[in-house]
Amino acid sequence: MVSKDTFTLSPSIDMQTAATTPWDIVVVGAGPAGTAMAARAATKKLRVLFIDRSPLPRPKVCGCCLSPLALAELSNLSKETIPQFTVSTLSLTDLTIVSQGYCASVPYATGGVLSRISLDTCLAKHAIAANAAWLPNTRAVSCKVDQVTVTLTVQTTSQSQHAIQTKRLILAGGLRDAIRMQGDSAVHRPPRNWPRNNRIGLGTTLCSTGGAISERHLVMAVGSAGYCGLVRLEDGSIDVAAAVHPSLLKRGATPAEALSRLLAETFQDVECPIDTSLLQGSGLLATPQLTHHTGHVDPQCTRILRVGDAVGYIEPFTGEGIGWALLSARLAMEALIDIRGDLRPSQEASQRYQQTYGNALNHHHRRCRMVSLALRSPFFVSTAVRAAACFPTIASSIARTITGNT
């Protein structure tokens, strides 16, 4: 839920001006990857516009954990763009894993926590301060490519459509990246590959009195049909983020009922740290299928790149998604811009981006896939939790290795 005390981030440009400006870069999506991309590009004195279908701030289904990689990328972003602009986070100190009634708590002084409401809005303000133009409530509908520009068709909340022209288009729309490509004879969406037994995301925030979770403490509950992360945010509210098999919902359960069932199975005789009755009426949000691969560069045009979750996504148990998104934005920016601050030829830039992205992230993705497969076995998870309870120091080291936070 968005705090009543939070003000909407006003647009810094009107639609008429946006539609008549020849942009160097247009970014679709105002999550961490999109806003970081806009901030870096604007610092290079390029004409940059970033848009989002929603206003800011807005809630997102996310575990809200910032890995050491994410914190490092945020620090680099501040140094490279607006040095006096910082992002404040809560540092994690402990991790509790629960499965089939077994519970283990280990030291986990790794990474931090910050709500997406605060993080995304902070980064958007950062980009605006770097002189990027911001236009909310603007949905990207389709795009068409010619020999010089990419023409992006957008739609406002009043249903009016407008054309925006840019030299490079960056798609940072996350899991909902559904922009259509206009060809000579048809309109199509790029292919997206999903694995079998994929899961969807469910998430909400509960009021500060909604549970007994202490500050800086991450709780991960693992069940047979998914898992759920619980953590207290900077304003005292409790973030609830789950990845569940769609079968939980196909049985006729509401999202709140499905999540309550998962937590009941997981904790059993162990006291659940949140009041699950509060899930009803909490405004639970859902995502499309989580794990997917779409690709770094649009197959129809090398002037269209993807960053963040729009490229591909692995189930978020390890809490590294935001770090990967921020890193992908930096790699895309480094590929697009040469040392003189000019745009590289699109073919060269796209090849460079695909290579550096693979070198930086492929091994992280492989490790994360192995973790997600292991989580499909309740017996394996509960056995590992019992072992962790007996050897917390070793388990803490293993947990950091699994999540790439060594």
Protein backbone atom coordinates (compact mmCIF):
# COMPACT_ATOMS: atom_id res chain seq x y z
CA MET A 1 0.00 0.00 0.00
CA VAL A 2 1.20 3.53 -0.72
CA SER A 3 1.45 5.77 2.30
CA LYS A 4 -1.15 8.51 2.50
CA ASP A 5 1.67 10.88 3.38
CA THR A 6 3.48 10.18 0.11
CA PHE A 7 3.10 12.72 -2.70
CA THR A 8 2.88 11.72 -6.35
CA LEU A 9 6.01 12.54 -8.33
CA SER A 10 4.86 15.13 -10.85
CA PRO A 11 5.81 14.88 -14.53
CA SER A 12 8.68 17.11 -15.59
CA ILE A 13 7.41 17.44 -19.18
CA ASP A 14 4.04 17.53 -20.94
CA MET A 15 2.95 15.11 -23.64
CA GLN A 16 2.96 17.69 -26.43
CA THR A 17 6.59 18.59 -25.73
CA ALA A 18 7.56 14.93 -25.40
CA ALA A 19 5.95 14.13 -28.76
CA THR A 20 7.74 16.96 -30.59
CA THR A 21 11.22 16.47 -29.09
CA PRO A 22 13.78 14.36 -30.99
CA TRP A 23 15.07 12.13 -28.19
CA ASP A 24 18.41 10.35 -28.03
CA ILE A 25 17.09 7.72 -25.60
CA VAL A 26 13.59 6.86 -24.42
CA VAL A 27 13.25 4.46 -21.49
CA VAL A 28 10.00 2.53 -20.96
CA GLY A 29 9.63 1.64 -17.29
CA ALA A 30 10.51 3.47 -14.07
CA GLY A 31 11.78 0.59 -11.95
CA PRO A 32 15.39 0.43 -10.73
CA ALA A 33 16.80 -0.53 -14.15
CA GLY A 34 14.85 2.11 -16.09
CA THR A 35 15.53 4.99 -13.71
CA ALA A 36 19.21 4.11 -13.34
CA MET A 37 19.50 3.99 -17.13
CA ALA A 38 17.81 7.38 -17.48
CA ALA A 39 20.03 8.98 -14.84
CA ARG A 40 23.24 7.74 -16.43
CA ALA A 41 22.19 8.71 -19.96
CA ALA A 42 21.11 12.20 -18.88
CA THR A 43 24.46 12.74 -17.19
CA LYS A 44 26.09 12.20 -20.61
CA LYS A 45 24.18 15.28 -21.85
CA LEU A 46 21.86 13.16 -23.99
CA ARG A 47 18.19 14.01 -24.44
CA VAL A 48 16.51 11.38 -22.30
CA LEU A 49 12.86 10.65 -21.57
CA PHE A 50 11.64 7.94 -19.21
CA ILE A 51 7.99 6.94 -18.95
CA ASP A 52 5.83 4.56 -16.92
CA ARG A 53 2.26 3.38 -17.20
CA SER A 54 1.75 4.20 -13.51
CA PRO A 55 2.47 7.22 -11.34
CA LEU A 56 5.21 7.20 -8.72
CA PRO A 57 5.27 6.14 -5.98
CA ARG A 58 3.49 2.85 -6.60
CA PRO A 59 3.62 -0.57 -4.90
CA LYS A 60 5.36 -3.52 -6.55
CA VAL A 61 5.52 -7.25 -5.83
CA CYS A 62 9.08 -7.49 -4.56
CA GLY A 63 11.02 -8.87 -1.62
CA CYS A 64 12.60 -5.41 -1.20
CA CYS A 65 16.01 -6.90 -0.36
CA LEU A 66 19.12 -5.19 -1.70
CA SER A 67 22.08 -7.51 -2.20
CA PRO A 68 25.67 -6.28 -1.81
CA LEU A 69 25.72 -6.01 -5.61
CA ALA A 70 22.66 -3.75 -5.51
CA LEU A 71 24.18 -1.56 -2.82
CA ALA A 72 27.43 -1.30 -4.80
CA GLU A 73 25.56 -0.35 -7.98
CA LEU A 74 23.56 2.31 -6.11
CA SER A 75 26.79 3.74 -4.72
CA ASN A 76 28.37 3.81 -8.19
CA LEU A 77 25.27 5.44 -9.63
CA SER A 78 25.45 8.24 -7.09
CA LYS A 79 29.15 8.86 -7.74
CA GLU A 80 28.72 8.87 -11.51
CA THR A 81 25.63 11.08 -11.67
CA ILE A 82 24.53 13.20 -8.69
CA PRO A 83 27.10 12.61 -5.90
CA GLN A 84 25.04 14.31 -3.18
CA PHE A 85 22.06 12.07 -3.93
CA THR A 86 22.00 8.97 -1.71
CA VAL A 87 19.67 6.05 -0.95
CA SER A 88 19.28 5.08 2.72
CA THR A 89 18.63 1.42 3.53
CA LEU A 90 18.22 -0.81 6.57
CA SER A 91 21.01 -3.36 6.95
CA LEU A 92 20.03 -7.01 7.33
CA THR A 93 21.49 -8.88 10.32
CA ASP A 94 19.57 -12.17 10.61
CA LEU A 95 17.93 -14.80 8.42
CA THR A 96 15.32 -17.36 9.49
CA ILE A 97 14.31 -20.21 7.19
CA VAL A 98 11.18 -22.26 7.96
CA SER A 99 9.95 -25.42 6.22
CA GLN A 100 7.41 -28.07 7.26
CA GLY A 101 7.45 -26.89 10.87
CA TYR A 102 11.25 -26.83 11.14
CA CYS A 103 12.98 -23.52 11.79
CA ALA A 104 16.58 -22.30 11.69
CA SER A 105 17.92 -18.81 12.38
CA VAL A 106 21.41 -17.79 11.32
CA PRO A 107 23.45 -14.57 11.30
CA TYR A 108 23.08 -12.89 7.92
CA ALA A 109 24.76 -9.49 7.95
CA THR A 110 24.45 -9.22 4.19
CA GLY A 111 22.71 -6.61 2.11
CA GLY A 112 19.88 -4.27 3.07
CA VAL A 113 16.16 -3.58 2.85
CA LEU A 114 14.23 -0.73 1.25
CA SER A 115 10.64 -0.60 0.02
CA ARG A 116 10.09 -0.31 -3.71
CA ILE A 117 7.89 2.71 -3.05
CA SER A 118 10.94 4.50 -1.61
CA LEU A 119 13.59 3.03 -3.92
CA ASP A 120 11.85 3.59 -7.24
CA THR A 121 10.74 7.12 -6.34
CA CYS A 122 14.20 8.01 -5.06
CA LEU A 123 15.85 6.79 -8.25
CA ALA A 124 13.30 8.62 -10.41
CA LYS A 125 14.06 11.86 -8.56
CA HIS A 126 17.73 11.10 -9.14
CA ALA A 127 17.15 10.80 -12.88
CA ILE A 128 15.14 14.02 -12.99
CA ALA A 129 17.91 15.83 -11.08
CA ALA A 130 20.32 14.59 -13.75
CA ASN A 131 18.05 16.33 -16.34
CA ALA A 132 16.10 13.36 -17.64
CA ALA A 133 12.47 14.12 -18.55
CA TRP A 134 9.78 12.17 -16.66
CA LEU A 135 6.31 11.32 -17.94
CA PRO A 136 4.04 9.07 -15.78
CA ASN A 137 0.62 7.58 -16.62
CA THR A 138 1.93 6.83 -20.11
CA ARG A 139 1.67 3.29 -21.49
CA ALA A 140 3.90 2.13 -24.33
CA VAL A 141 1.63 0.44 -26.88
CA SER A 142 3.83 -0.35 -29.89
CA CYS A 143 6.88 0.80 -31.78
CA LYS A 144 7.94 1.01 -35.40
CA VAL A 145 11.46 1.18 -36.75
CA ASP A 146 12.81 3.00 -39.79
CA GLN A 147 16.37 3.53 -40.95
CA VAL A 148 17.04 6.41 -38.55
CA THR A 149 14.63 6.38 -35.61
CA VAL A 150 12.34 4.27 -33.50
CA THR A 151 8.80 5.64 -33.28
CA LEU A 152 7.10 4.72 -30.02
CA THR A 153 3.31 4.90 -29.81
CA VAL A 154 2.11 5.68 -26.29
CA GLN A 155 -1.30 6.01 -24.70
CA THR A 156 -2.31 8.29 -21.83
CA THR A 157 -4.92 7.68 -19.16
CA SER A 158 -7.39 9.61 -21.32
CA GLN A 159 -6.88 6.94 -24.04
CA SER A 160 -5.31 9.43 -26.45
CA GLN A 161 -2.37 8.11 -28.47
CA HIS A 162 0.83 9.96 -29.36
CA ALA A 163 4.02 9.19 -31.30
CA ILE A 164 7.44 9.75 -29.70
CA GLN A 165 10.61 9.48 -31.77
CA THR A 166 13.99 8.39 -30.43
CA LYS A 167 17.37 7.14 -31.66
CA ARG A 168 17.48 4.33 -29.08
CA LEU A 169 14.65 2.67 -27.19
CA ILE A 170 15.28 0.97 -23.84
CA LEU A 171 12.62 -1.46 -22.61
CA ALA A 172 12.62 -1.71 -18.83
CA GLY A 173 9.02 -2.76 -18.31
CA GLY A 174 9.84 -5.78 -16.15
CA LEU A 175 7.77 -8.95 -16.29
CA ARG A 176 4.94 -7.09 -18.07
CA ASP A 177 7.11 -6.08 -21.02
CA ALA A 178 4.41 -6.51 -23.67
CA ILE A 179 5.16 -3.79 -26.22
CA ARG A 180 4.24 -4.74 -29.79
CA MET A 181 6.45 -4.33 -32.85
CA GLN A 182 4.87 -2.87 -35.97
CA GLY A 183 6.19 -4.52 -39.11
CA ASP A 184 5.38 -4.01 -42.76
CA SER A 185 2.48 -6.45 -42.69
CA ALA A 186 1.67 -7.27 -39.07
CA VAL A 187 1.92 -6.28 -35.43
CA HIS A 188 3.55 -8.82 -33.13
CA ARG A 189 5.07 -9.25 -29.72
CA PRO A 190 8.60 -10.63 -29.28
CA PRO A 191 8.78 -14.30 -28.23
CA ARG A 192 9.17 -15.02 -24.53
CA ASN A 193 10.32 -18.41 -23.25
CA TRP A 194 8.93 -19.81 -19.98
CA PRO A 195 10.04 -23.07 -18.31
CA ARG A 196 7.67 -25.74 -17.06
CA ASN A 197 6.36 -25.58 -13.49
CA ASN A 198 6.84 -21.82 -13.49
CA ARG A 199 5.57 -19.70 -10.62
CA ILE A 200 3.83 -16.38 -10.24
CA GLY A 201 4.51 -13.64 -7.72
CA LEU A 202 2.14 -12.48 -4.97
CA GLY A 203 2.86 -9.53 -2.73
CA THR A 204 1.53 -6.91 -0.36
CA THR A 205 2.51 -4.88 2.69
CA LEU A 206 0.93 -5.22 6.12
CA CYS A 207 0.64 -2.52 8.77
CA SER A 208 3.38 -2.21 11.38
CA THR A 209 1.26 -4.11 13.93
CA GLY A 210 0.64 -6.98 11.51
CA GLY A 211 3.29 -9.26 12.94
CA ALA A 212 6.18 -9.84 15.32
CA ILE A 213 9.02 -9.61 12.80
CA SER A 214 11.94 -7.64 14.19
CA GLU A 215 13.71 -4.98 12.19
CA ARG A 216 16.64 -6.13 9.98
CA HIS A 217 15.40 -9.74 10.13
CA LEU A 218 14.50 -11.65 6.95
CA VAL A 219 12.15 -14.66 7.24
CA MET A 220 11.90 -17.15 4.35
CA ALA A 221 9.08 -19.71 4.49
CA VAL A 222 9.43 -22.61 2.02
CA GLY A 223 6.50 -24.89 1.19
CA SER A 224 5.71 -27.58 -1.37
CA ALA A 225 4.09 -25.12 -3.81
CA GLY A 226 6.26 -22.07 -3.33
CA TYR A 227 7.90 -19.80 -0.80
CA CYS A 228 7.31 -16.48 0.89
CA GLY A 229 9.65 -13.78 2.22
CA LEU A 230 8.75 -11.56 5.16
CA VAL A 231 10.71 -8.47 6.20
CA ARG A 232 10.02 -5.22 8.05
CA LEU A 233 10.48 -2.09 5.93
CA GLU A 234 11.86 1.33 6.80
CA ASP A 235 8.43 2.71 7.74
CA GLY A 236 7.66 -0.23 10.07
CA SER A 237 5.28 -2.00 7.68
CA ILE A 238 5.88 -5.65 6.76
CA ASP A 239 6.64 -6.64 3.18
CA VAL A 240 5.17 -9.96 2.08
CA ALA A 241 6.46 -11.37 -1.23
CA ALA A 242 5.83 -14.90 -2.45
CA ALA A 243 6.50 -17.09 -5.48
CA VAL A 244 3.79 -19.75 -5.78
CA HIS A 245 2.71 -22.40 -8.23
CA PRO A 246 -0.46 -21.30 -10.10
CA SER A 247 -2.19 -24.50 -8.93
CA LEU A 248 -2.72 -22.85 -5.55
CA LEU A 249 -5.01 -20.37 -7.26
CA LYS A 250 -6.60 -22.82 -9.71
CA ARG A 251 -8.16 -24.65 -6.79
CA GLY A 252 -10.56 -21.75 -6.42
CA ALA A 253 -8.61 -19.99 -3.70
CA THR A 254 -8.18 -16.24 -3.64
CA PRO A 255 -4.57 -14.97 -3.56
CA ALA A 256 -4.93 -14.28 0.17
CA GLU A 257 -6.25 -17.81 0.82
CA ALA A 258 -3.48 -19.36 -1.28
CA LEU A 259 -0.80 -17.46 0.61
CA SER A 260 -2.38 -18.32 3.96
CA ARG A 261 -2.35 -22.03 3.02
CA LEU A 262 1.31 -21.84 2.06
CA LEU A 263 2.25 -20.21 5.37
CA ALA A 264 0.12 -22.67 7.38
CA GLU A 265 1.85 -25.63 5.69
CA THR A 266 5.27 -24.08 6.22
CA PHE A 267 5.04 -23.06 9.89
CA GLN A 268 2.73 -25.85 11.16
CA ASP A 269 3.41 -25.92 14.94
CA VAL A 270 5.82 -22.98 14.74
CA GLU A 271 4.15 -19.63 15.39
CA CYS A 272 3.75 -17.65 12.17
CA PRO A 273 5.31 -14.17 12.57
CA ILE A 274 2.46 -12.37 10.77
CA ASP A 275 -1.28 -12.23 11.27
CA THR A 276 -2.45 -14.04 8.13
CA SER A 277 -6.01 -12.78 8.59
CA LEU A 278 -4.69 -9.37 7.53
CA LEU A 279 -3.91 -10.75 4.06
CA GLN A 280 -7.62 -10.55 3.27
CA GLY A 281 -8.32 -7.02 2.10
CA SER A 282 -4.61 -6.09 2.03
CA GLY A 283 -4.61 -5.46 -1.71
CA LEU A 284 -2.47 -8.43 -2.72
CA LEU A 285 -0.86 -7.89 -6.12
CA ALA A 286 0.06 -10.63 -8.58
CA THR A 287 2.64 -10.88 -11.37
CA PRO A 288 2.84 -12.82 -14.62
CA GLN A 289 4.97 -15.96 -14.67
CA LEU A 290 8.30 -15.17 -13.04
CA THR A 291 11.08 -17.12 -14.73
CA HIS A 292 11.46 -16.24 -18.39
CA HIS A 293 13.98 -15.36 -21.09
CA THR A 294 13.17 -12.72 -23.69
CA GLY A 295 16.62 -11.49 -24.75
CA HIS A 296 18.85 -8.44 -24.45
CA VAL A 297 18.23 -7.05 -27.94
CA ASP A 298 15.02 -7.04 -29.95
CA PRO A 299 15.41 -9.45 -32.89
CA GLN A 300 13.79 -6.91 -35.23
CA CYS A 301 16.06 -3.97 -34.42
CA THR A 302 19.42 -3.53 -32.65
CA ARG A 303 18.35 -0.03 -31.59
CA ILE A 304 15.95 -1.56 -29.08
CA LEU A 305 17.58 -2.96 -25.92
CA ARG A 306 16.11 -4.53 -22.79
CA VAL A 307 17.34 -4.07 -19.24
CA GLY A 308 16.33 -5.46 -15.87
CA ASP A 309 13.59 -8.07 -15.62
CA ALA A 310 12.56 -7.41 -19.24
CA VAL A 311 15.69 -9.32 -20.37
CA GLY A 312 14.99 -12.39 -18.28
CA TYR A 313 14.20 -13.37 -14.72
CA ILE A 314 14.96 -16.19 -12.31
CA GLU A 315 12.81 -16.98 -9.27
CA PRO A 316 13.67 -14.42 -6.59
CA PHE A 317 14.50 -16.63 -3.57
CA THR A 318 18.09 -15.42 -3.48
CA GLY A 319 17.11 -11.74 -3.34
CA GLU A 320 19.40 -10.63 -6.14
CA GLY A 321 16.90 -9.28 -8.66
CA ILE A 322 17.36 -5.57 -7.96
CA GLY A 323 21.15 -5.92 -8.10
CA TRP A 324 20.95 -7.66 -11.46
CA ALA A 325 18.60 -4.95 -12.78
CA LEU A 326 20.91 -2.11 -11.73
CA LEU A 327 23.93 -3.90 -13.16
CA SER A 328 22.19 -4.52 -16.50
CA ALA A 329 21.38 -0.81 -16.76
CA ARG A 330 25.03 0.12 -16.25
CA LEU A 331 26.20 -2.46 -18.80
CA ALA A 332 23.67 -1.25 -21.36
CA MET A 333 24.76 2.35 -20.82
CA GLU A 334 28.43 1.45 -21.21
CA ALA A 335 27.60 -0.40 -24.42
CA LEU A 336 25.53 2.45 -25.87
CA ILE A 337 27.92 5.33 -25.19
CA ASP A 338 31.56 5.63 -26.30
CA ILE A 339 34.32 7.43 -24.41
CA ARG A 340 33.42 10.72 -26.13
CA GLY A 341 29.86 10.49 -24.87
CA ASP A 342 28.38 9.74 -28.30
CA LEU A 343 25.98 6.94 -29.21
CA ARG A 344 27.75 3.93 -30.67
CA PRO A 345 26.42 2.35 -33.89
CA SER A 346 23.50 0.17 -32.87
CA GLN A 347 24.99 -3.11 -34.11
CA GLU A 348 28.24 -2.54 -32.21
CA ALA A 349 26.40 -1.46 -29.07
CA SER A 350 24.05 -4.44 -29.08
CA GLN A 351 26.88 -6.94 -29.52
CA ARG A 352 28.86 -5.30 -26.75
CA TYR A 353 25.85 -5.35 -24.41
CA GLN A 354 25.05 -9.01 -25.02
CA GLN A 355 28.67 -10.00 -24.39
CA THR A 356 29.19 -7.99 -21.20
CA TYR A 357 25.79 -8.98 -19.83
CA GLY A 358 26.56 -12.66 -20.34
CA ASN A 359 30.02 -12.38 -18.80
CA ALA A 360 28.66 -10.57 -15.75
CA LEU A 361 25.43 -12.43 -15.03
CA ASN A 362 25.23 -15.87 -16.66
CA HIS A 363 26.99 -17.64 -13.77
CA HIS A 364 24.67 -15.93 -11.26
CA HIS A 365 21.65 -17.09 -13.25
CA ARG A 366 22.91 -20.68 -13.38
CA ARG A 367 23.41 -20.73 -9.61
CA CYS A 368 19.95 -19.26 -9.06
CA ARG A 369 18.33 -21.89 -11.31
CA MET A 370 19.97 -24.65 -9.25
CA VAL A 371 18.61 -23.08 -6.05
CA SER A 372 15.11 -22.82 -7.52
CA LEU A 373 15.20 -26.50 -8.52
CA ALA A 374 16.35 -27.54 -5.05
CA LEU A 375 13.44 -25.64 -3.51
CA ARG A 376 11.01 -27.96 -5.37
CA SER A 377 11.90 -30.73 -2.91
CA PRO A 378 10.24 -30.22 0.50
CA PHE A 379 12.26 -33.14 1.93
CA PHE A 380 15.55 -31.57 0.85
CA VAL A 381 14.59 -28.15 2.21
CA SER A 382 13.34 -29.41 5.58
CA THR A 383 16.46 -31.57 5.99
CA ALA A 384 18.66 -28.58 5.19
CA VAL A 385 16.76 -26.43 7.69
CA ARG A 386 17.22 -29.02 10.46
CA ALA A 387 20.95 -29.18 9.69
CA ALA A 388 21.17 -25.38 9.71
CA ALA A 389 19.59 -25.30 13.17
CA CYS A 390 22.39 -27.53 14.45
CA PHE A 391 25.23 -25.70 12.71
CA PRO A 392 24.21 -22.01 12.38
CA THR A 393 27.70 -20.67 11.64
CA ILE A 394 28.26 -23.06 8.75
CA ALA A 395 24.70 -22.51 7.56
CA SER A 396 25.20 -18.74 7.52
CA SER A 397 28.24 -19.15 5.28
CA ILE A 398 26.34 -21.51 2.98
CA ALA A 399 23.39 -19.08 2.80
CA ARG A 400 25.68 -16.26 1.67
CA THR A 401 27.24 -18.53 -0.95
CA ILE A 402 23.84 -19.64 -2.29
CA THR A 403 22.71 -16.04 -2.67
CA GLY A 404 25.98 -14.91 -4.22
CA ASN A 405 26.71 -12.65 -1.24
CA THR A 406 30.12 -13.98 -0.27
